[in-house]
């Protein structure tokens, strides 16, 4: 699946490398995690209770649609968390994770 987002203009910002579901991914400095991931993939994660895919909904941190997890278990809102180099993120909660 190709990326859901396409940049409309070339932006000269440094590239930031991170890992998502064990795969190397890159975004641009100033991107949110959601923007960086959706530039490469069609969805952020699978829904918890059905076959649908999630790609963010409100884009302002009020819903539950854009959660991702750091490999250590911390949950982040992808729509409002700025991308940082070296992040190791997952689309699914780690085994044993409790909210």
PDB file of N, CA and C in Angstrom:
ATOM      1  N   UNK A   1       0.850  -1.168   0.000  1.00  0.00           N
ATOM      2  CA  UNK A   1       0.000   0.000   0.000  1.00  0.00           C
ATOM      3  C   UNK A   1       0.902   1.240   0.000  1.00  0.00           C
ATOM      4  N   UNK A   2       0.598   2.183  -0.843  1.00  0.00           N
ATOM      5  CA  UNK A   2       1.393   3.404  -0.894  1.00  0.00           C
ATOM      6  C   UNK A   2       0.919   4.395   0.153  1.00  0.00           C
ATOM      7  N   UNK A   3       1.672   5.458   0.290  1.00  0.00           N
ATOM      8  CA  UNK A   3       1.347   6.456   1.297  1.00  0.00           C
ATOM      9  C   UNK A   3       0.010   7.129   1.048  1.00  0.00           C
ATOM     10  N   UNK A   4      -0.644   7.493   2.122  1.00  0.00           N
ATOM     11  CA  UNK A   4      -1.935   8.175   2.039  1.00  0.00           C
ATOM     12  C   UNK A   4      -1.727   9.672   1.790  1.00  0.00           C
ATOM     13  N   UNK A   5      -0.629  10.220   2.282  1.00  0.00           N
ATOM     14  CA  UNK A   5      -0.336  11.645   2.128  1.00  0.00           C
ATOM     15  C   UNK A   5       0.705  11.857   1.053  1.00  0.00           C
ATOM     16  N   UNK A   6       0.586  12.954   0.331  1.00  0.00           N
ATOM     17  CA  UNK A   6       1.592  13.330  -0.647  1.00  0.00           C
ATOM     18  C   UNK A   6       1.923  14.796  -0.429  1.00  0.00           C
ATOM     19  N   UNK A   7       3.190  15.091  -0.299  1.00  0.00           N
ATOM     20  CA  UNK A   7       3.600  16.487  -0.120  1.00  0.00           C
ATOM     21  C   UNK A   7       3.363  17.244  -1.422  1.00  0.00           C
ATOM     22  N   UNK A   8       2.751  18.413  -1.301  1.00  0.00           N
ATOM     23  CA  UNK A   8       2.397  19.179  -2.490  1.00  0.00           C
ATOM     24  C   UNK A   8       3.527  20.061  -2.983  1.00  0.00           C
ATOM     25  N   UNK A   9       4.493  20.287  -2.144  1.00  0.00           N
ATOM     26  CA  UNK A   9       5.622  21.117  -2.534  1.00  0.00           C
ATOM     27  C   UNK A   9       6.890  20.527  -1.933  1.00  0.00           C
ATOM     28  N   UNK A  10       7.988  20.756  -2.584  1.00  0.00           N
ATOM     29  CA  UNK A  10       9.255  20.294  -2.041  1.00  0.00           C
ATOM     30  C   UNK A  10       9.626  21.190  -0.870  1.00  0.00           C
ATOM     31  N   UNK A  11       9.879  20.571   0.251  1.00  0.00           N
ATOM     32  CA  UNK A  11      10.227  21.312   1.457  1.00  0.00           C
ATOM     33  C   UNK A  11      11.655  20.942   1.836  1.00  0.00           C
ATOM     34  N   UNK A  12      12.477  21.925   1.996  1.00  0.00           N
ATOM     35  CA  UNK A  12      13.882  21.695   2.333  1.00  0.00           C
ATOM     36  C   UNK A  12      14.044  21.679   3.846  1.00  0.00           C
ATOM     37  N   UNK A  13      13.814  20.508   4.424  1.00  0.00           N
ATOM     38  CA  UNK A  13      14.009  20.305   5.849  1.00  0.00           C
ATOM     39  C   UNK A  13      14.826  19.029   6.020  1.00  0.00           C
ATOM     40  N   UNK A  14      15.595  18.939   7.075  1.00  0.00           N
ATOM     41  CA  UNK A  14      16.384  17.728   7.296  1.00  0.00           C
ATOM     42  C   UNK A  14      15.494  16.494   7.449  1.00  0.00           C
ATOM     43  N   UNK A  15      15.990  15.374   6.936  1.00  0.00           N
ATOM     44  CA  UNK A  15      15.304  14.095   7.067  1.00  0.00           C
ATOM     45  C   UNK A  15      15.565  13.510   8.456  1.00  0.00           C
ATOM     46  N   UNK A  16      14.553  12.854   9.013  1.00  0.00           N
ATOM     47  CA  UNK A  16      14.669  12.218  10.320  1.00  0.00           C
ATOM     48  C   UNK A  16      14.354  10.735  10.147  1.00  0.00           C
ATOM     49  N   UNK A  17      15.255   9.893  10.612  1.00  0.00           N
ATOM     50  CA  UNK A  17      15.084   8.445  10.503  1.00  0.00           C
ATOM     51  C   UNK A  17      14.498   7.894  11.801  1.00  0.00           C
ATOM     52  N   UNK A  18      13.567   6.938  11.675  1.00  0.00           N
ATOM     53  CA  UNK A  18      12.988   6.260  12.828  1.00  0.00           C
ATOM     54  C   UNK A  18      12.545   4.874  12.390  1.00  0.00           C
ATOM     55  N   UNK A  19      12.094   4.069  13.335  1.00  0.00           N
ATOM     56  CA  UNK A  19      11.631   2.709  13.039  1.00  0.00           C
ATOM     57  C   UNK A  19      10.143   2.625  13.338  1.00  0.00           C
ATOM     58  N   UNK A  20       9.403   1.948  12.460  1.00  0.00           N
ATOM     59  CA  UNK A  20       7.982   1.714  12.683  1.00  0.00           C
ATOM     60  C   UNK A  20       7.679   0.267  12.338  1.00  0.00           C
ATOM     61  N   UNK A  21       7.214  -0.472  13.319  1.00  0.00           N
ATOM     62  CA  UNK A  21       6.947  -1.905  13.164  1.00  0.00           C
ATOM     63  C   UNK A  21       8.164  -2.651  12.603  1.00  0.00           C
ATOM     64  N   UNK A  22       9.340  -2.275  13.115  1.00  0.00           N
ATOM     65  CA  UNK A  22      10.577  -2.950  12.740  1.00  0.00           C
ATOM     66  C   UNK A  22      11.150  -2.545  11.398  1.00  0.00           C
ATOM     67  N   UNK A  23      10.544  -1.590  10.718  1.00  0.00           N
ATOM     68  CA  UNK A  23      11.012  -1.144   9.409  1.00  0.00           C
ATOM     69  C   UNK A  23      11.553   0.286   9.496  1.00  0.00           C
ATOM     70  N   UNK A  24      12.653   0.562   8.815  1.00  0.00           N
ATOM     71  CA  UNK A  24      13.154   1.942   8.809  1.00  0.00           C
ATOM     72  C   UNK A  24      12.234   2.848   7.990  1.00  0.00           C
ATOM     73  N   UNK A  25      11.942   4.007   8.535  1.00  0.00           N
ATOM     74  CA  UNK A  25      11.075   4.993   7.893  1.00  0.00           C
ATOM     75  C   UNK A  25      11.721   6.355   8.098  1.00  0.00           C
ATOM     76  N   UNK A  26      11.370   7.313   7.257  1.00  0.00           N
ATOM     77  CA  UNK A  26      11.896   8.657   7.449  1.00  0.00           C
ATOM     78  C   UNK A  26      10.769   9.679   7.314  1.00  0.00           C
ATOM     79  N   UNK A  27      10.975  10.792   7.939  1.00  0.00           N
ATOM     80  CA  UNK A  27      10.075  11.933   7.833  1.00  0.00           C
ATOM     81  C   UNK A  27      10.931  13.182   7.748  1.00  0.00           C
ATOM     82  N   UNK A  28      10.302  14.318   7.830  1.00  0.00           N
ATOM     83  CA  UNK A  28      11.037  15.579   7.788  1.00  0.00           C
ATOM     84  C   UNK A  28      10.955  16.273   9.136  1.00  0.00           C
ATOM     85  N   UNK A  29      11.997  16.988   9.462  1.00  0.00           N
ATOM     86  CA  UNK A  29      12.008  17.744  10.710  1.00  0.00           C
ATOM     87  C   UNK A  29      10.770  18.624  10.769  1.00  0.00           C
ATOM     88  N   UNK A  30      10.059  18.582  11.896  1.00  0.00           N
ATOM     89  CA  UNK A  30       8.830  19.342  12.067  1.00  0.00           C
ATOM     90  C   UNK A  30       7.573  18.542  11.784  1.00  0.00           C
ATOM     91  N   UNK A  31       7.698  17.352  11.173  1.00  0.00           N
ATOM     92  CA  UNK A  31       6.545  16.480  10.942  1.00  0.00           C
ATOM     93  C   UNK A  31       6.022  15.933  12.259  1.00  0.00           C
ATOM     94  N   UNK A  32       4.745  15.631  12.318  1.00  0.00           N
ATOM     95  CA  UNK A  32       4.235  14.808  13.404  1.00  0.00           C
ATOM     96  C   UNK A  32       4.521  13.352  13.036  1.00  0.00           C
ATOM     97  N   UNK A  33       4.422  12.474  14.012  1.00  0.00           N
ATOM     98  CA  UNK A  33       4.589  11.046  13.738  1.00  0.00           C
ATOM     99  C   UNK A  33       3.567  10.604  12.695  1.00  0.00           C
ATOM    100  N   UNK A  34       2.330  11.068  12.817  1.00  0.00           N
ATOM    101  CA  UNK A  34       1.269  10.682  11.887  1.00  0.00           C
ATOM    102  C   UNK A  34       1.607  11.089  10.453  1.00  0.00           C
ATOM    103  N   UNK A  35       2.055  12.315  10.256  1.00  0.00           N
ATOM    104  CA  UNK A  35       2.416  12.781   8.922  1.00  0.00           C
ATOM    105  C   UNK A  35       3.534  11.931   8.334  1.00  0.00           C
ATOM    106  N   UNK A  36       4.553  11.659   9.122  1.00  0.00           N
ATOM    107  CA  UNK A  36       5.687  10.871   8.629  1.00  0.00           C
ATOM    108  C   UNK A  36       5.247   9.468   8.224  1.00  0.00           C
ATOM    109  N   UNK A  37       4.431   8.811   9.041  1.00  0.00           N
ATOM    110  CA  UNK A  37       4.005   7.447   8.732  1.00  0.00           C
ATOM    111  C   UNK A  37       3.073   7.429   7.531  1.00  0.00           C
ATOM    112  N   UNK A  38       2.107   8.319   7.484  1.00  0.00           N
ATOM    113  CA  UNK A  38       1.152   8.307   6.376  1.00  0.00           C
ATOM    114  C   UNK A  38       1.759   8.783   5.064  1.00  0.00           C
ATOM    115  N   UNK A  39       2.956   9.343   5.110  1.00  0.00           N
ATOM    116  CA  UNK A  39       3.672   9.665   3.874  1.00  0.00           C
ATOM    117  C   UNK A  39       4.219   8.401   3.213  1.00  0.00           C
ATOM    118  N   UNK A  40       4.295   7.308   3.993  1.00  0.00           N
ATOM    119  CA  UNK A  40       4.845   6.047   3.493  1.00  0.00           C
ATOM    120  C   UNK A  40       3.828   4.917   3.429  1.00  0.00           C
ATOM    121  N   UNK A  41       2.792   4.991   4.249  1.00  0.00           N
ATOM    122  CA  UNK A  41       1.819   3.895   4.355  1.00  0.00           C
ATOM    123  C   UNK A  41       0.402   4.425   4.185  1.00  0.00           C
ATOM    124  N   UNK A  42      -0.499   3.542   3.832  1.00  0.00           N
ATOM    125  CA  UNK A  42      -1.894   3.925   3.663  1.00  0.00           C
ATOM    126  C   UNK A  42      -2.674   3.992   4.956  1.00  0.00           C
ATOM    127  N   UNK A  43      -2.125   3.424   6.028  1.00  0.00           N
ATOM    128  CA  UNK A  43      -2.821   3.427   7.308  1.00  0.00           C
ATOM    129  C   UNK A  43      -1.802   3.440   8.440  1.00  0.00           C
ATOM    130  N   UNK A  44      -2.243   3.903   9.572  1.00  0.00           N
ATOM    131  CA  UNK A  44      -1.387   3.962  10.750  1.00  0.00           C
ATOM    132  C   UNK A  44      -1.372   2.629  11.481  1.00  0.00           C
ATOM    133  N   UNK A  45      -2.559   2.018  11.636  1.00  0.00           N
ATOM    134  CA  UNK A  45      -2.672   0.764  12.377  1.00  0.00           C
ATOM    135  C   UNK A  45      -4.003   0.116  12.067  1.00  0.00           C
ATOM    136  N   UNK A  46      -4.183  -1.111  12.557  1.00  0.00           N
ATOM    137  CA  UNK A  46      -5.454  -1.816  12.424  1.00  0.00           C
ATOM    138  C   UNK A  46      -6.374  -1.419  13.575  1.00  0.00           C
ATOM    139  N   UNK A  47      -7.679  -1.466  13.321  1.00  0.00           N
ATOM    140  CA  UNK A  47      -8.649  -1.211  14.376  1.00  0.00           C
ATOM    141  C   UNK A  47      -8.616  -2.355  15.382  1.00  0.00           C
ATOM    142  N   UNK A  48      -8.973  -2.059  16.616  1.00  0.00           N
ATOM    143  CA  UNK A  48      -8.962  -3.079  17.667  1.00  0.00           C
ATOM    144  C   UNK A  48     -10.107  -4.065  17.532  1.00  0.00           C
ATOM    145  N   UNK A  49     -11.241  -3.640  16.961  1.00  0.00           N
ATOM    146  CA  UNK A  49     -12.452  -4.451  16.989  1.00  0.00           C
ATOM    147  C   UNK A  49     -13.030  -4.736  15.609  1.00  0.00           C
ATOM    148  N   UNK A  50     -12.201  -4.818  14.606  1.00  0.00           N
ATOM    149  CA  UNK A  50     -12.714  -5.118  13.277  1.00  0.00           C
ATOM    150  C   UNK A  50     -11.621  -5.081  12.240  1.00  0.00           C
ATOM    151  N   UNK A  51     -11.979  -5.295  10.978  1.00  0.00           N
ATOM    152  CA  UNK A  51     -10.977  -5.386   9.914  1.00  0.00           C
ATOM    153  C   UNK A  51     -10.508  -4.029   9.363  1.00  0.00           C
ATOM    154  N   UNK A  52     -11.084  -2.945   9.871  1.00  0.00           N
ATOM    155  CA  UNK A  52     -10.755  -1.631   9.336  1.00  0.00           C
ATOM    156  C   UNK A  52      -9.341  -1.197   9.723  1.00  0.00           C
ATOM    157  N   UNK A  53      -8.825  -0.239   8.979  1.00  0.00           N
ATOM    158  CA  UNK A  53      -7.537   0.368   9.284  1.00  0.00           C
ATOM    159  C   UNK A  53      -7.780   1.783   9.782  1.00  0.00           C
ATOM    160  N   UNK A  54      -6.913   2.259  10.650  1.00  0.00           N
ATOM    161  CA  UNK A  54      -7.021   3.592  11.222  1.00  0.00           C
ATOM    162  C   UNK A  54      -5.929   4.478  10.630  1.00  0.00           C
ATOM    163  N   UNK A  55      -6.292   5.743  10.375  1.00  0.00           N
ATOM    164  CA  UNK A  55      -5.327   6.677   9.813  1.00  0.00           C
ATOM    165  C   UNK A  55      -5.446   8.055  10.439  1.00  0.00           C
ATOM    166  N   UNK A  56      -5.929   8.115  11.656  1.00  0.00           N
ATOM    167  CA  UNK A  56      -6.162   9.405  12.300  1.00  0.00           C
ATOM    168  C   UNK A  56      -7.568   9.873  11.981  1.00  0.00           C
ATOM    169  N   UNK A  57      -8.179  10.573  12.901  1.00  0.00           N
ATOM    170  CA  UNK A  57      -9.552  11.034  12.688  1.00  0.00           C
ATOM    171  C   UNK A  57      -9.672  12.532  12.943  1.00  0.00           C
ATOM    172  N   UNK A  58      -9.487  12.943  14.197  1.00  0.00           N
ATOM    173  CA  UNK A  58      -9.719  14.353  14.527  1.00  0.00           C
ATOM    174  C   UNK A  58      -8.487  15.217  14.241  1.00  0.00           C
ATOM    175  N   UNK A  59      -7.308  14.624  14.287  1.00  0.00           N
ATOM    176  CA  UNK A  59      -6.027  15.293  14.033  1.00  0.00           C
ATOM    177  C   UNK A  59      -5.727  16.426  15.014  1.00  0.00           C
ATOM    178  N   UNK A  60      -6.337  16.357  16.210  1.00  0.00           N
ATOM    179  CA  UNK A  60      -6.048  17.369  17.230  1.00  0.00           C
ATOM    180  C   UNK A  60      -5.946  16.765  18.626  1.00  0.00           C
ATOM    181  N   UNK A  61      -5.789  15.446  18.711  1.00  0.00           N
ATOM    182  CA  UNK A  61      -5.550  14.808  19.998  1.00  0.00           C
ATOM    183  C   UNK A  61      -6.773  14.569  20.859  1.00  0.00           C
ATOM    184  N   UNK A  62      -7.967  14.606  20.273  1.00  0.00           N
ATOM    185  CA  UNK A  62      -9.173  14.417  21.069  1.00  0.00           C
ATOM    186  C   UNK A  62      -9.775  13.019  20.941  1.00  0.00           C
ATOM    187  N   UNK A  63      -9.447  12.286  19.900  1.00  0.00           N
ATOM    188  CA  UNK A  63     -10.035  10.955  19.712  1.00  0.00           C
ATOM    189  C   UNK A  63      -9.001   9.878  20.072  1.00  0.00           C
ATOM    190  N   UNK A  64      -9.301   8.643  19.788  1.00  0.00           N
ATOM    191  CA  UNK A  64      -8.414   7.515  20.108  1.00  0.00           C
ATOM    192  C   UNK A  64      -7.857   6.861  18.853  1.00  0.00           C
ATOM    193  N   UNK A  65      -7.935   7.528  17.724  1.00  0.00           N
ATOM    194  CA  UNK A  65      -7.644   6.897  16.445  1.00  0.00           C
ATOM    195  C   UNK A  65      -6.156   6.812  16.090  1.00  0.00           C
ATOM    196  N   UNK A  66      -5.322   7.628  16.676  1.00  0.00           N
ATOM    197  CA  UNK A  66      -3.936   7.709  16.210  1.00  0.00           C
ATOM    198  C   UNK A  66      -2.907   7.202  17.220  1.00  0.00           C
ATOM    199  N   UNK A  67      -3.323   6.386  18.186  1.00  0.00           N
ATOM    200  CA  UNK A  67      -2.353   5.874  19.149  1.00  0.00           C
ATOM    201  C   UNK A  67      -1.310   4.999  18.468  1.00  0.00           C
ATOM    202  N   UNK A  68      -0.058   5.187  18.850  1.00  0.00           N
ATOM    203  CA  UNK A  68       1.050   4.285  18.527  1.00  0.00           C
ATOM    204  C   UNK A  68       1.810   4.059  19.831  1.00  0.00           C
ATOM    205  N   UNK A  69       2.662   3.052  19.840  1.00  0.00           N
ATOM    206  CA  UNK A  69       3.398   2.712  21.053  1.00  0.00           C
ATOM    207  C   UNK A  69       4.879   2.709  20.776  1.00  0.00           C
ATOM    208  N   UNK A  70       5.651   3.212  21.736  1.00  0.00           N
ATOM    209  CA  UNK A  70       7.089   3.035  21.677  1.00  0.00           C
ATOM    210  C   UNK A  70       7.377   1.581  22.028  1.00  0.00           C
ATOM    211  N   UNK A  71       8.490   1.060  21.565  1.00  0.00           N
ATOM    212  CA  UNK A  71       8.825  -0.334  21.850  1.00  0.00           C
ATOM    213  C   UNK A  71       8.888  -0.609  23.343  1.00  0.00           C
ATOM    214  N   UNK A  72       9.229   0.393  24.154  1.00  0.00           N
ATOM    215  CA  UNK A  72       9.289   0.219  25.608  1.00  0.00           C
ATOM    216  C   UNK A  72       7.894   0.205  26.229  1.00  0.00           C
ATOM    217  N   UNK A  73       6.846   0.531  25.458  1.00  0.00           N
ATOM    218  CA  UNK A  73       5.488   0.450  25.963  1.00  0.00           C
ATOM    219  C   UNK A  73       4.752   1.760  26.122  1.00  0.00           C
ATOM    220  N   UNK A  74       5.441   2.883  26.071  1.00  0.00           N
ATOM    221  CA  UNK A  74       4.761   4.176  26.236  1.00  0.00           C
ATOM    222  C   UNK A  74       3.873   4.458  25.019  1.00  0.00           C
ATOM    223  N   UNK A  75       2.636   4.883  25.285  1.00  0.00           N
ATOM    224  CA  UNK A  75       1.681   5.188  24.221  1.00  0.00           C
ATOM    225  C   UNK A  75       1.792   6.665  23.841  1.00  0.00           C
ATOM    226  N   UNK A  76       1.738   6.956  22.544  1.00  0.00           N
ATOM    227  CA  UNK A  76       1.843   8.322  22.038  1.00  0.00           C
ATOM    228  C   UNK A  76       0.703   8.614  21.074  1.00  0.00           C
ATOM    229  N   UNK A  77       0.265   9.854  21.037  1.00  0.00           N
ATOM    230  CA  UNK A  77      -0.688  10.293  20.012  1.00  0.00           C
ATOM    231  C   UNK A  77       0.129  10.721  18.788  1.00  0.00           C
ATOM    232  N   UNK A  78      -0.024  10.001  17.715  1.00  0.00           N
ATOM    233  CA  UNK A  78       0.768  10.271  16.515  1.00  0.00           C
ATOM    234  C   UNK A  78       0.423  11.614  15.876  1.00  0.00           C
ATOM    235  N   UNK A  79      -0.810  12.088  16.076  1.00  0.00           N
ATOM    236  CA  UNK A  79      -1.219  13.336  15.416  1.00  0.00           C
ATOM    237  C   UNK A  79      -0.634  14.577  16.067  1.00  0.00           C
ATOM    238  N   UNK A  80      -0.243  14.478  17.330  1.00  0.00           N
ATOM    239  CA  UNK A  80       0.227  15.680  18.022  1.00  0.00           C
ATOM    240  C   UNK A  80       1.629  15.539  18.620  1.00  0.00           C
ATOM    241  N   UNK A  81       2.316  14.446  18.291  1.00  0.00           N
ATOM    242  CA  UNK A  81       3.677  14.235  18.790  1.00  0.00           C
ATOM    243  C   UNK A  81       4.654  14.476  17.649  1.00  0.00           C
ATOM    244  N   UNK A  82       5.583  15.409  17.869  1.00  0.00           N
ATOM    245  CA  UNK A  82       6.562  15.716  16.834  1.00  0.00           C
ATOM    246  C   UNK A  82       7.551  14.567  16.673  1.00  0.00           C
ATOM    247  N   UNK A  83       7.870  14.271  15.448  1.00  0.00           N
ATOM    248  CA  UNK A  83       8.815  13.213  15.122  1.00  0.00           C
ATOM    249  C   UNK A  83      10.189  13.531  15.692  1.00  0.00           C
ATOM    250  N   UNK A  84      10.845  12.513  16.230  1.00  0.00           N
ATOM    251  CA  UNK A  84      12.199  12.648  16.757  1.00  0.00           C
ATOM    252  C   UNK A  84      13.056  11.532  16.177  1.00  0.00           C
ATOM    253  N   UNK A  85      14.298  11.842  15.913  1.00  0.00           N
ATOM    254  CA  UNK A  85      15.217  10.844  15.365  1.00  0.00           C
ATOM    255  C   UNK A  85      15.378   9.681  16.331  1.00  0.00           C
ATOM    256  N   UNK A  86      15.425   8.474  15.778  1.00  0.00           N
ATOM    257  CA  UNK A  86      15.697   7.295  16.570  1.00  0.00           C
ATOM    258  C   UNK A  86      14.498   6.676  17.272  1.00  0.00           C
ATOM    259  N   UNK A  87      13.311   7.255  17.120  1.00  0.00           N
ATOM    260  CA  UNK A  87      12.131   6.646  17.739  1.00  0.00           C
ATOM    261  C   UNK A  87      11.957   5.227  17.220  1.00  0.00           C
ATOM    262  N   UNK A  88      11.514   4.341  18.091  1.00  0.00           N
ATOM    263  CA  UNK A  88      11.216   2.953  17.731  1.00  0.00           C
ATOM    264  C   UNK A  88       9.762   2.728  18.097  1.00  0.00           C
ATOM    265  N   UNK A  89       8.895   2.784  17.080  1.00  0.00           N
ATOM    266  CA  UNK A  89       7.455   2.785  17.286  1.00  0.00           C
ATOM    267  C   UNK A  89       6.807   1.514  16.765  1.00  0.00           C
ATOM    268  N   UNK A  90       5.629   1.226  17.315  1.00  0.00           N
ATOM    269  CA  UNK A  90       4.838   0.056  16.921  1.00  0.00           C
ATOM    270  C   UNK A  90       3.396   0.492  16.669  1.00  0.00           C
ATOM    271  N   UNK A  91       2.740  -0.221  15.768  1.00  0.00           N
ATOM    272  CA  UNK A  91       1.333   0.057  15.508  1.00  0.00           C
ATOM    273  C   UNK A  91       0.426  -0.681  16.479  1.00  0.00           C
ATOM    274  N   UNK A  92       0.951  -1.661  17.191  1.00  0.00           N
ATOM    275  CA  UNK A  92       0.170  -2.439  18.157  1.00  0.00           C
ATOM    276  C   UNK A  92       0.813  -2.313  19.537  1.00  0.00           C
ATOM    277  N   UNK A  93      -0.019  -2.385  20.543  1.00  0.00           N
ATOM    278  CA  UNK A  93       0.480  -2.324  21.922  1.00  0.00           C
ATOM    279  C   UNK A  93       1.402  -3.513  22.198  1.00  0.00           C
ATOM    280  N   UNK A  94       2.469  -3.305  22.952  1.00  0.00           N
ATOM    281  CA  UNK A  94       3.338  -4.429  23.326  1.00  0.00           C
ATOM    282  C   UNK A  94       2.572  -5.458  24.144  1.00  0.00           C
ATOM    283  N   UNK A  95       2.999  -6.703  24.090  1.00  0.00           N
ATOM    284  CA  UNK A  95       2.387  -7.767  24.898  1.00  0.00           C
ATOM    285  C   UNK A  95       2.349  -7.353  26.357  1.00  0.00           C
ATOM    286  N   UNK A  96       1.226  -7.556  26.994  1.00  0.00           N
ATOM    287  CA  UNK A  96       1.094  -7.239  28.408  1.00  0.00           C
ATOM    288  C   UNK A  96       0.809  -5.781  28.698  1.00  0.00           C
ATOM    289  N   UNK A  97       0.669  -4.947  27.657  1.00  0.00           N
ATOM    290  CA  UNK A  97       0.436  -3.519  27.875  1.00  0.00           C
ATOM    291  C   UNK A  97      -0.952  -3.298  28.475  1.00  0.00           C
ATOM    292  N   UNK A  98      -1.015  -2.449  29.482  1.00  0.00           N
ATOM    293  CA  UNK A  98      -2.287  -2.101  30.126  1.00  0.00           C
ATOM    294  C   UNK A  98      -2.399  -0.583  30.125  1.00  0.00           C
ATOM    295  N   UNK A  99      -3.556  -0.075  29.722  1.00  0.00           N
ATOM    296  CA  UNK A  99      -3.734   1.391  29.663  1.00  0.00           C
ATOM    297  C   UNK A  99      -3.873   2.011  31.028  1.00  0.00           C
TER     298      UNK A  99
END
